[in-house]
Amino acid sequence: EDDSCLISEIERIYIDGDTICLLDRKKGGIFVYTSQGKLVSNINYYGKAPQEFSDVSAFSIDPHLNQICVYDMSSMKIKKYSYSGQFIKSYDTDVYVWDFAVLKDERNLFVHPYYARKVKYGIWMTDSLNNILKDFPLDIPEDDQFVFFNTHFNRRGDELFYYDRIYDRMMYMTSDTLYTLYSFDLKQRLSDELRAKDPATYRWENFAMMWNFSISPKYLLMNYYYYEQEKPYKWVLLNRNTNDIKIANNMINNMDSVQAETQSIFFLNERTWCRVIESTNPNNCNIALQIINLK
């Protein structure tokens, strides 16, 4: 079978040495490739069996054990698989979260970044038995229940950069540290007055949402979606040395002939980003990654 047409759209990428793990946005599951593009496994075990999951509510990798970790909100379980696709184990969790990361010694760093009356919220770390090891409470008012459903991690070893869409800020996390690295005012955070209203009544024409980001020692590159504009995507580049911000409508590749309209850009490591290139040929459904090496 031709394995080149399996992925419809990439939602998240993790890289671990020469292994690349991709989450397909349209329920194709998690694909594991070598850095040369050879398919290693496709973890798309949807179902009700012990080794299966109802949905990939969130996924992470454990680079210390070379494992894929799937959080299935429907069954309230975290299920683990080897990079080659074998089921390893499953364990229960008693929390509802939007995202998580697996750190050394199978510690789970959970994110539920908005106020919730009946379930735990904030950022906290547990072991595999659900014992809370550390709590990082977020300063979220109890009357503020507005939520963006997506959250965004970039990972560098056991350090994480987390973009808090709700409060328009970049946070830095380790197993024992949490602080705000940058705060922004790029029309993302709704006013307090709007946040108290029914979302169906919002007027979105002056509102933007952070879509994705990559961070390096010198730069922070973010992609924003601006509602109700003819060209909705804008690129925001922050120089981390000077704090200067540049905003552009396009990101132009001047290194080779491959150009793309796609707005998907991903962090691979602190000196490597990549952009998703989708084929315009109807007979070729390959998805390629355009590597961007930073100086």
C-alpha atoms as a PDB file:
ATOM      1  CA  GLU A   1       0.000   0.000   0.000  1.00  0.00           C
ATOM      2  CA  ASP A   2       1.222   3.488  -0.836  1.00  0.00           C
ATOM      3  CA  ASP A   3       1.954   5.151   2.497  1.00  0.00           C
ATOM      4  CA  SER A   4       2.413   8.643   1.045  1.00  0.00           C
ATOM      5  CA  CYS A   5      -1.259   9.702   1.214  1.00  0.00           C
ATOM      6  CA  LEU A   6      -2.115   8.785   4.767  1.00  0.00           C
ATOM      7  CA  ILE A   7      -1.882  12.229   6.368  1.00  0.00           C
ATOM      8  CA  SER A   8      -4.601  14.769   5.657  1.00  0.00           C
ATOM      9  CA  GLU A   9      -3.429  17.687   7.812  1.00  0.00           C
ATOM     10  CA  ILE A  10      -0.807  17.975  10.536  1.00  0.00           C
ATOM     11  CA  GLU A  11      -1.944  19.243  13.941  1.00  0.00           C
ATOM     12  CA  ARG A  12       1.209  18.697  16.011  1.00  0.00           C
ATOM     13  CA  ILE A  13       4.792  17.562  15.529  1.00  0.00           C
ATOM     14  CA  TYR A  14       7.291  16.182  18.030  1.00  0.00           C
ATOM     15  CA  ILE A  15      10.856  15.281  17.153  1.00  0.00           C
ATOM     16  CA  ASP A  16      13.042  12.954  19.217  1.00  0.00           C
ATOM     17  CA  GLY A  17      16.472  12.410  17.713  1.00  0.00           C
ATOM     18  CA  ASP A  18      15.860  10.861  14.283  1.00  0.00           C
ATOM     19  CA  THR A  19      12.195  10.081  15.065  1.00  0.00           C
ATOM     20  CA  ILE A  20       9.368  12.403  13.988  1.00  0.00           C
ATOM     21  CA  CYS A  21       5.863  11.995  15.464  1.00  0.00           C
ATOM     22  CA  LEU A  22       2.924  13.669  13.703  1.00  0.00           C
ATOM     23  CA  LEU A  23      -0.696  13.997  14.847  1.00  0.00           C
ATOM     24  CA  ASP A  24      -3.182  14.065  11.976  1.00  0.00           C
ATOM     25  CA  ARG A  25      -5.949  16.631  12.470  1.00  0.00           C
ATOM     26  CA  LYS A  26      -8.643  14.497  10.796  1.00  0.00           C
ATOM     27  CA  LYS A  27      -8.494  11.322  12.909  1.00  0.00           C
ATOM     28  CA  GLY A  28      -5.766   9.628  10.920  1.00  0.00           C
ATOM     29  CA  GLY A  29      -4.041   8.982  14.225  1.00  0.00           C
ATOM     30  CA  ILE A  30      -0.388   9.481  15.106  1.00  0.00           C
ATOM     31  CA  PHE A  31       2.258   8.786  12.464  1.00  0.00           C
ATOM     32  CA  VAL A  32       5.843   7.968  13.365  1.00  0.00           C
ATOM     33  CA  TYR A  33       8.551   8.525  10.749  1.00  0.00           C
ATOM     34  CA  THR A  34      12.302   8.415  10.588  1.00  0.00           C
ATOM     35  CA  SER A  35      14.048  11.678   9.776  1.00  0.00           C
ATOM     36  CA  GLN A  36      14.521  10.278   6.246  1.00  0.00           C
ATOM     37  CA  GLY A  37      10.734  10.091   5.787  1.00  0.00           C
ATOM     38  CA  LYS A  38      10.258   6.339   6.207  1.00  0.00           C
ATOM     39  CA  LEU A  39       6.991   5.382   7.913  1.00  0.00           C
ATOM     40  CA  VAL A  40       7.645   3.464  11.148  1.00  0.00           C
ATOM     41  CA  SER A  41       4.098   3.131  12.496  1.00  0.00           C
ATOM     42  CA  ASN A  42       0.604   4.593  12.420  1.00  0.00           C
ATOM     43  CA  ILE A  43      -1.076   4.590  15.828  1.00  0.00           C
ATOM     44  CA  ASN A  44      -4.731   4.931  14.847  1.00  0.00           C
ATOM     45  CA  TYR A  45      -6.229   2.401  17.230  1.00  0.00           C
ATOM     46  CA  TYR A  46      -9.702   3.858  17.518  1.00  0.00           C
ATOM     47  CA  GLY A  47     -12.122   1.662  19.406  1.00  0.00           C
ATOM     48  CA  LYS A  48     -13.183   0.396  22.820  1.00  0.00           C
ATOM     49  CA  ALA A  49     -10.633  -2.362  23.412  1.00  0.00           C
ATOM     50  CA  PRO A  50      -8.087  -1.938  26.248  1.00  0.00           C
ATOM     51  CA  GLN A  51      -5.305  -1.036  23.825  1.00  0.00           C
ATOM     52  CA  GLU A  52      -7.526   1.389  21.854  1.00  0.00           C
ATOM     53  CA  PHE A  53      -8.767   4.951  22.380  1.00  0.00           C
ATOM     54  CA  SER A  54     -11.969   6.763  21.515  1.00  0.00           C
ATOM     55  CA  ASP A  55     -10.161   9.949  20.601  1.00  0.00           C
ATOM     56  CA  VAL A  56      -6.755  11.601  20.779  1.00  0.00           C
ATOM     57  CA  SER A  57      -7.860  14.398  23.091  1.00  0.00           C
ATOM     58  CA  ALA A  58      -4.182  15.306  23.548  1.00  0.00           C
ATOM     59  CA  PHE A  59      -0.901  13.567  22.896  1.00  0.00           C
ATOM     60  CA  SER A  60       2.679  13.880  24.019  1.00  0.00           C
ATOM     61  CA  ILE A  61       5.885  11.917  23.744  1.00  0.00           C
ATOM     62  CA  ASP A  62       8.097  10.551  26.485  1.00  0.00           C
ATOM     63  CA  PRO A  63      11.566  11.006  24.985  1.00  0.00           C
ATOM     64  CA  HIS A  64      13.148   9.316  28.002  1.00  0.00           C
ATOM     65  CA  LEU A  65      11.321   6.030  27.316  1.00  0.00           C
ATOM     66  CA  ASN A  66      10.687   6.546  23.562  1.00  0.00           C
ATOM     67  CA  GLN A  67       6.930   6.333  23.955  1.00  0.00           C
ATOM     68  CA  ILE A  68       3.810   7.918  22.462  1.00  0.00           C
ATOM     69  CA  CYS A  69       1.356   9.024  25.170  1.00  0.00           C
ATOM     70  CA  VAL A  70      -2.333   9.513  24.315  1.00  0.00           C
ATOM     71  CA  TYR A  71      -4.831  11.198  26.620  1.00  0.00           C
ATOM     72  CA  ASP A  72      -8.325   9.886  25.879  1.00  0.00           C
ATOM     73  CA  MET A  73     -10.876  12.113  27.605  1.00  0.00           C
ATOM     74  CA  SER A  74     -13.781   9.757  26.826  1.00  0.00           C
ATOM     75  CA  SER A  75     -12.306   6.892  28.831  1.00  0.00           C
ATOM     76  CA  MET A  76     -10.312   9.113  31.236  1.00  0.00           C
ATOM     77  CA  LYS A  77      -7.147   7.145  30.509  1.00  0.00           C
ATOM     78  CA  ILE A  78      -3.630   7.766  29.329  1.00  0.00           C
ATOM     79  CA  LYS A  79      -2.437   5.072  26.944  1.00  0.00           C
ATOM     80  CA  LYS A  80       1.155   4.501  25.969  1.00  0.00           C
ATOM     81  CA  TYR A  81       2.678   2.998  22.829  1.00  0.00           C
ATOM     82  CA  SER A  82       6.186   2.393  21.586  1.00  0.00           C
ATOM     83  CA  TYR A  83       7.418   4.361  18.592  1.00  0.00           C
ATOM     84  CA  SER A  84       7.023   1.148  16.588  1.00  0.00           C
ATOM     85  CA  GLY A  85       3.314   1.080  17.484  1.00  0.00           C
ATOM     86  CA  GLN A  86       3.070  -1.605  20.162  1.00  0.00           C
ATOM     87  CA  PHE A  87       0.674  -1.003  23.036  1.00  0.00           C
ATOM     88  CA  ILE A  88       2.583  -0.753  26.324  1.00  0.00           C
ATOM     89  CA  LYS A  89       0.140   0.120  29.079  1.00  0.00           C
ATOM     90  CA  SER A  90      -2.855   2.156  30.130  1.00  0.00           C
ATOM     91  CA  TYR A  91      -3.633   3.916  33.373  1.00  0.00           C
ATOM     92  CA  ASP A  92      -6.571   5.889  34.679  1.00  0.00           C
ATOM     93  CA  THR A  93      -6.585   9.602  35.287  1.00  0.00           C
ATOM     94  CA  ASP A  94      -9.181  11.525  37.238  1.00  0.00           C
ATOM     95  CA  VAL A  95      -8.755  14.925  35.567  1.00  0.00           C
ATOM     96  CA  TYR A  96     -10.137  16.729  32.544  1.00  0.00           C
ATOM     97  CA  VAL A  97      -7.340  18.576  30.766  1.00  0.00           C
ATOM     98  CA  TRP A  98      -6.772  20.380  27.483  1.00  0.00           C
ATOM     99  CA  ASP A  99      -3.132  19.419  27.101  1.00  0.00           C
ATOM    100  CA  PHE A 100      -0.308  17.613  28.848  1.00  0.00           C
ATOM    101  CA  ALA A 101       3.378  16.801  28.645  1.00  0.00           C
ATOM    102  CA  VAL A 102       5.236  13.759  29.936  1.00  0.00           C
ATOM    103  CA  LEU A 103       8.477  14.534  31.741  1.00  0.00           C
ATOM    104  CA  LYS A 104      11.233  12.383  33.214  1.00  0.00           C
ATOM    105  CA  ASP A 105      10.179   9.468  35.456  1.00  0.00           C
ATOM    106  CA  GLU A 106       6.699   9.396  33.818  1.00  0.00           C
ATOM    107  CA  ARG A 107       5.578  12.605  35.492  1.00  0.00           C
ATOM    108  CA  ASN A 108       2.610  14.244  33.804  1.00  0.00           C
ATOM    109  CA  LEU A 109       2.351  18.015  33.513  1.00  0.00           C
ATOM    110  CA  PHE A 110      -1.342  18.827  32.981  1.00  0.00           C
ATOM    111  CA  VAL A 111      -2.873  22.065  31.709  1.00  0.00           C
ATOM    112  CA  HIS A 112      -6.485  23.095  32.255  1.00  0.00           C
ATOM    113  CA  PRO A 113      -6.083  26.854  31.829  1.00  0.00           C
ATOM    114  CA  TYR A 114      -9.463  28.310  32.751  1.00  0.00           C
ATOM    115  CA  TYR A 115     -11.667  28.438  35.827  1.00  0.00           C
ATOM    116  CA  ALA A 116     -13.901  25.393  36.328  1.00  0.00           C
ATOM    117  CA  ARG A 117     -16.216  24.950  39.286  1.00  0.00           C
ATOM    118  CA  LYS A 118     -16.281  21.178  39.656  1.00  0.00           C
ATOM    119  CA  VAL A 119     -12.932  20.002  38.287  1.00  0.00           C
ATOM    120  CA  LYS A 120      -9.332  20.902  38.879  1.00  0.00           C
ATOM    121  CA  TYR A 121      -7.900  23.737  36.811  1.00  0.00           C
ATOM    122  CA  GLY A 122      -4.573  25.481  36.363  1.00  0.00           C
ATOM    123  CA  ILE A 123      -1.259  23.674  35.757  1.00  0.00           C
ATOM    124  CA  TRP A 124      -0.083  20.787  37.915  1.00  0.00           C
ATOM    125  CA  MET A 125       2.194  17.766  37.877  1.00  0.00           C
ATOM    126  CA  THR A 126       1.339  14.195  38.896  1.00  0.00           C
ATOM    127  CA  ASP A 127       2.931  10.786  38.916  1.00  0.00           C
ATOM    128  CA  SER A 128       1.372   7.847  37.065  1.00  0.00           C
ATOM    129  CA  LEU A 129      -0.768   7.062  40.131  1.00  0.00           C
ATOM    130  CA  ASN A 130      -2.438  10.514  39.980  1.00  0.00           C
ATOM    131  CA  ASN A 131      -0.609  11.764  43.065  1.00  0.00           C
ATOM    132  CA  ILE A 132      -0.119  15.524  42.766  1.00  0.00           C
ATOM    133  CA  LEU A 133       3.589  16.298  42.993  1.00  0.00           C
ATOM    134  CA  LYS A 134       3.379  20.042  42.429  1.00  0.00           C
ATOM    135  CA  ASP A 135       0.649  22.596  41.832  1.00  0.00           C
ATOM    136  CA  PHE A 136       1.172  25.711  39.701  1.00  0.00           C
ATOM    137  CA  PRO A 137      -2.066  27.661  40.229  1.00  0.00           C
ATOM    138  CA  LEU A 138      -2.844  30.220  37.539  1.00  0.00           C
ATOM    139  CA  ASP A 139      -4.190  33.642  38.448  1.00  0.00           C
ATOM    140  CA  ILE A 140      -7.616  33.045  36.879  1.00  0.00           C
ATOM    141  CA  PRO A 141     -10.624  34.891  38.347  1.00  0.00           C
ATOM    142  CA  GLU A 142     -13.471  32.616  39.378  1.00  0.00           C
ATOM    143  CA  ASP A 143     -15.979  34.552  37.278  1.00  0.00           C
ATOM    144  CA  ASP A 144     -13.898  34.115  34.123  1.00  0.00           C
ATOM    145  CA  GLN A 145     -14.922  30.956  32.299  1.00  0.00           C
ATOM    146  CA  PHE A 146     -14.042  31.988  28.760  1.00  0.00           C
ATOM    147  CA  VAL A 147     -11.921  29.340  27.060  1.00  0.00           C
ATOM    148  CA  PHE A 148     -10.019  28.646  23.862  1.00  0.00           C
ATOM    149  CA  PHE A 149     -10.076  24.922  23.338  1.00  0.00           C
ATOM    150  CA  ASN A 150      -6.580  24.602  21.879  1.00  0.00           C
ATOM    151  CA  THR A 151      -3.405  25.055  23.822  1.00  0.00           C
ATOM    152  CA  HIS A 152       0.113  25.066  22.498  1.00  0.00           C
ATOM    153  CA  PHE A 153       3.324  23.539  23.837  1.00  0.00           C
ATOM    154  CA  ASN A 154       6.806  23.638  22.423  1.00  0.00           C
ATOM    155  CA  ARG A 155       9.221  21.300  24.095  1.00  0.00           C
ATOM    156  CA  ARG A 156      12.977  21.462  24.665  1.00  0.00           C
ATOM    157  CA  GLY A 157      13.973  18.433  26.723  1.00  0.00           C
ATOM    158  CA  ASP A 158      12.070  18.766  30.005  1.00  0.00           C
ATOM    159  CA  GLU A 159      11.580  22.495  29.470  1.00  0.00           C
ATOM    160  CA  LEU A 160       8.324  23.669  27.927  1.00  0.00           C
ATOM    161  CA  PHE A 161       7.121  26.881  26.348  1.00  0.00           C
ATOM    162  CA  TYR A 162       3.371  27.193  26.690  1.00  0.00           C
ATOM    163  CA  TYR A 163       1.276  29.820  24.918  1.00  0.00           C
ATOM    164  CA  ASP A 164      -1.723  30.762  27.035  1.00  0.00           C
ATOM    165  CA  ARG A 165      -4.271  31.848  24.447  1.00  0.00           C
ATOM    166  CA  ILE A 166      -6.744  32.954  27.072  1.00  0.00           C
ATOM    167  CA  TYR A 167      -4.444  35.567  28.592  1.00  0.00           C
ATOM    168  CA  ASP A 168      -2.204  36.171  25.560  1.00  0.00           C
ATOM    169  CA  ARG A 169       1.074  35.264  27.234  1.00  0.00           C
ATOM    170  CA  MET A 170       4.023  32.957  26.744  1.00  0.00           C
ATOM    171  CA  MET A 171       4.905  30.867  29.783  1.00  0.00           C
ATOM    172  CA  TYR A 172       8.056  28.912  30.606  1.00  0.00           C
ATOM    173  CA  MET A 173       7.743  25.649  32.530  1.00  0.00           C
ATOM    174  CA  THR A 174       9.927  22.970  34.037  1.00  0.00           C
ATOM    175  CA  SER A 175       9.098  20.354  36.659  1.00  0.00           C
ATOM    176  CA  ASP A 176       9.477  22.963  39.402  1.00  0.00           C
ATOM    177  CA  THR A 177       9.266  26.341  37.643  1.00  0.00           C
ATOM    178  CA  LEU A 178       6.465  28.330  36.043  1.00  0.00           C
ATOM    179  CA  TYR A 179       6.615  31.978  35.059  1.00  0.00           C
ATOM    180  CA  THR A 180       5.437  34.331  32.335  1.00  0.00           C
ATOM    181  CA  LEU A 181       8.150  34.848  29.760  1.00  0.00           C
ATOM    182  CA  TYR A 182       6.256  37.369  27.580  1.00  0.00           C
ATOM    183  CA  SER A 183       2.908  39.118  27.673  1.00  0.00           C
ATOM    184  CA  PHE A 184       1.354  40.430  24.472  1.00  0.00           C
ATOM    185  CA  ASP A 185      -1.279  42.893  23.368  1.00  0.00           C
ATOM    186  CA  LEU A 186      -2.046  41.678  19.867  1.00  0.00           C
ATOM    187  CA  LYS A 187      -5.850  41.872  20.051  1.00  0.00           C
ATOM    188  CA  GLN A 188      -6.131  38.313  21.255  1.00  0.00           C
ATOM    189  CA  ARG A 189      -7.481  38.688  24.752  1.00  0.00           C
ATOM    190  CA  LEU A 190     -11.131  39.726  24.877  1.00  0.00           C
ATOM    191  CA  SER A 191     -12.061  42.616  27.130  1.00  0.00           C
ATOM    192  CA  ASP A 192     -13.491  41.763  30.537  1.00  0.00           C
ATOM    193  CA  GLU A 193     -16.871  43.057  29.359  1.00  0.00           C
ATOM    194  CA  LEU A 194     -16.926  40.716  26.353  1.00  0.00           C
ATOM    195  CA  ARG A 195     -15.689  37.739  28.338  1.00  0.00           C
ATOM    196  CA  ALA A 196     -18.815  37.902  30.498  1.00  0.00           C
ATOM    197  CA  LYS A 197     -21.180  37.732  27.515  1.00  0.00           C
ATOM    198  CA  ASP A 198     -22.600  34.900  25.481  1.00  0.00           C
ATOM    199  CA  PRO A 199     -19.958  34.075  22.807  1.00  0.00           C
ATOM    200  CA  ALA A 200     -22.695  34.029  20.176  1.00  0.00           C
ATOM    201  CA  THR A 201     -23.054  37.803  20.625  1.00  0.00           C
ATOM    202  CA  TYR A 202     -19.366  38.635  20.048  1.00  0.00           C
ATOM    203  CA  ARG A 203     -18.269  40.901  17.234  1.00  0.00           C
ATOM    204  CA  TRP A 204     -15.005  39.435  15.991  1.00  0.00           C
ATOM    205  CA  GLU A 205     -13.791  42.003  13.452  1.00  0.00           C
ATOM    206  CA  ASN A 206     -11.108  43.430  15.763  1.00  0.00           C
ATOM    207  CA  PHE A 207     -10.071  40.152  17.313  1.00  0.00           C
ATOM    208  CA  ALA A 208      -7.134  37.800  16.619  1.00  0.00           C
ATOM    209  CA  MET A 209      -6.150  34.338  17.809  1.00  0.00           C
ATOM    210  CA  MET A 210      -2.628  32.952  18.032  1.00  0.00           C
ATOM    211  CA  TRP A 211      -2.479  29.964  15.686  1.00  0.00           C
ATOM    212  CA  ASN A 212       0.987  28.546  16.223  1.00  0.00           C
ATOM    213  CA  PHE A 213       4.442  29.570  17.415  1.00  0.00           C
ATOM    214  CA  SER A 214       8.118  28.649  17.364  1.00  0.00           C
ATOM    215  CA  ILE A 215      10.800  29.929  19.694  1.00  0.00           C
ATOM    216  CA  SER A 216      14.589  30.062  19.447  1.00  0.00           C
ATOM    217  CA  PRO A 217      17.289  31.746  21.546  1.00  0.00           C
ATOM    218  CA  LYS A 218      16.992  34.897  19.399  1.00  0.00           C
ATOM    219  CA  TYR A 219      13.428  34.917  18.056  1.00  0.00           C
ATOM    220  CA  LEU A 220       9.815  34.130  18.748  1.00  0.00           C
ATOM    221  CA  LEU A 221       7.723  33.610  15.616  1.00  0.00           C
ATOM    222  CA  MET A 222       3.944  33.492  15.932  1.00  0.00           C
ATOM    223  CA  ASN A 223       1.171  33.079  13.432  1.00  0.00           C
ATOM    224  CA  TYR A 224      -2.106  34.899  14.164  1.00  0.00           C
ATOM    225  CA  TYR A 225      -5.543  34.494  12.644  1.00  0.00           C
ATOM    226  CA  TYR A 226      -7.424  37.795  12.399  1.00  0.00           C
ATOM    227  CA  TYR A 227     -11.172  37.362  12.195  1.00  0.00           C
ATOM    228  CA  GLU A 228     -13.289  38.819   9.391  1.00  0.00           C
ATOM    229  CA  GLN A 229     -10.370  39.992   7.251  1.00  0.00           C
ATOM    230  CA  GLU A 230      -9.773  39.188   3.594  1.00  0.00           C
ATOM    231  CA  LYS A 231      -6.257  37.939   4.391  1.00  0.00           C
ATOM    232  CA  PRO A 232      -6.723  36.668   7.929  1.00  0.00           C
ATOM    233  CA  TYR A 233      -3.250  35.315   8.735  1.00  0.00           C
ATOM    234  CA  LYS A 234      -0.424  37.525   9.967  1.00  0.00           C
ATOM    235  CA  TRP A 235       3.094  36.676  11.055  1.00  0.00           C
ATOM    236  CA  VAL A 236       4.481  38.197  14.233  1.00  0.00           C
ATOM    237  CA  LEU A 237       8.254  38.105  14.830  1.00  0.00           C
ATOM    238  CA  LEU A 238       9.678  39.097  18.214  1.00  0.00           C
ATOM    239  CA  ASN A 239      13.392  39.777  18.532  1.00  0.00           C
ATOM    240  CA  ARG A 240      14.119  38.376  21.993  1.00  0.00           C
ATOM    241  CA  ASN A 241      17.271  40.487  22.368  1.00  0.00           C
ATOM    242  CA  THR A 242      15.649  43.851  21.606  1.00  0.00           C
ATOM    243  CA  ASN A 243      11.922  43.041  22.205  1.00  0.00           C
ATOM    244  CA  ASP A 244      11.149  44.632  18.819  1.00  0.00           C
ATOM    245  CA  ILE A 245       8.034  43.203  17.149  1.00  0.00           C
ATOM    246  CA  LYS A 246       7.446  43.014  13.398  1.00  0.00           C
ATOM    247  CA  ILE A 247       4.073  42.087  11.876  1.00  0.00           C
ATOM    248  CA  ALA A 248       3.771  40.887   8.257  1.00  0.00           C
ATOM    249  CA  ASN A 249       1.087  39.463   5.999  1.00  0.00           C
ATOM    250  CA  ASN A 250       3.386  36.840   4.473  1.00  0.00           C
ATOM    251  CA  MET A 251       6.476  34.826   5.301  1.00  0.00           C
ATOM    252  CA  ILE A 252       8.543  34.558   2.138  1.00  0.00           C
ATOM    253  CA  ASN A 253      11.071  31.819   1.543  1.00  0.00           C
ATOM    254  CA  ASN A 254      14.133  33.278  -0.213  1.00  0.00           C
ATOM    255  CA  MET A 255      16.368  30.233   0.169  1.00  0.00           C
ATOM    256  CA  ASP A 256      14.975  27.988  -2.581  1.00  0.00           C
ATOM    257  CA  SER A 257      12.177  27.816  -5.151  1.00  0.00           C
ATOM    258  CA  VAL A 258       9.627  26.140  -2.875  1.00  0.00           C
ATOM    259  CA  GLN A 259       6.923  28.623  -1.913  1.00  0.00           C
ATOM    260  CA  ALA A 260       3.784  27.915   0.089  1.00  0.00           C
ATOM    261  CA  GLU A 261       0.598  29.603   1.207  1.00  0.00           C
ATOM    262  CA  THR A 262       0.156  27.349   4.207  1.00  0.00           C
ATOM    263  CA  GLN A 263       0.265  28.990   7.615  1.00  0.00           C
ATOM    264  CA  SER A 264       1.365  25.896   9.524  1.00  0.00           C
ATOM    265  CA  ILE A 265       4.781  26.291  11.112  1.00  0.00           C
ATOM    266  CA  PHE A 266       6.160  24.033  13.823  1.00  0.00           C
ATOM    267  CA  PHE A 267       8.970  24.014  16.355  1.00  0.00           C
ATOM    268  CA  LEU A 268      11.356  21.076  16.008  1.00  0.00           C
ATOM    269  CA  ASN A 269      14.159  22.279  18.255  1.00  0.00           C
ATOM    270  CA  GLU A 270      15.638  25.598  19.331  1.00  0.00           C
ATOM    271  CA  ARG A 271      17.465  26.082  16.036  1.00  0.00           C
ATOM    272  CA  THR A 272      15.107  24.314  13.660  1.00  0.00           C
ATOM    273  CA  TRP A 273      11.582  25.162  12.595  1.00  0.00           C
ATOM    274  CA  CYS A 274       9.590  23.585   9.800  1.00  0.00           C
ATOM    275  CA  ARG A 275       6.748  24.601   7.547  1.00  0.00           C
ATOM    276  CA  VAL A 276       4.174  22.220   6.087  1.00  0.00           C
ATOM    277  CA  ILE A 277       4.110  22.154   2.288  1.00  0.00           C
ATOM    278  CA  GLU A 278       1.039  20.592   0.726  1.00  0.00           C
ATOM    279  CA  SER A 279       1.201  19.486  -2.885  1.00  0.00           C
ATOM    280  CA  THR A 280      -0.877  21.418  -5.433  1.00  0.00           C
ATOM    281  CA  ASN A 281      -0.829  18.426  -7.788  1.00  0.00           C
ATOM    282  CA  PRO A 282      -4.168  16.538  -7.500  1.00  0.00           C
ATOM    283  CA  ASN A 283      -2.330  13.294  -8.327  1.00  0.00           C
ATOM    284  CA  ASN A 284       0.203  13.791  -5.548  1.00  0.00           C
ATOM    285  CA  CYS A 285      -1.062  13.987  -1.986  1.00  0.00           C
ATOM    286  CA  ASN A 286       2.361  14.098  -0.352  1.00  0.00           C
ATOM    287  CA  ILE A 287       2.863  16.443   2.571  1.00  0.00           C
ATOM    288  CA  ALA A 288       6.426  17.716   2.857  1.00  0.00           C
ATOM    289  CA  LEU A 289       8.182  19.553   5.661  1.00  0.00           C
ATOM    290  CA  GLN A 290      10.276  22.541   4.672  1.00  0.00           C
ATOM    291  CA  ILE A 291      13.098  22.784   7.196  1.00  0.00           C
ATOM    292  CA  ILE A 292      14.033  26.273   8.404  1.00  0.00           C
ATOM    293  CA  ASN A 293      17.451  26.421  10.054  1.00  0.00           C
ATOM    294  CA  LEU A 294      18.066  29.414  12.266  1.00  0.00           C
ATOM    295  CA  LYS A 295      21.347  31.251  12.718  1.00  0.00           C
END
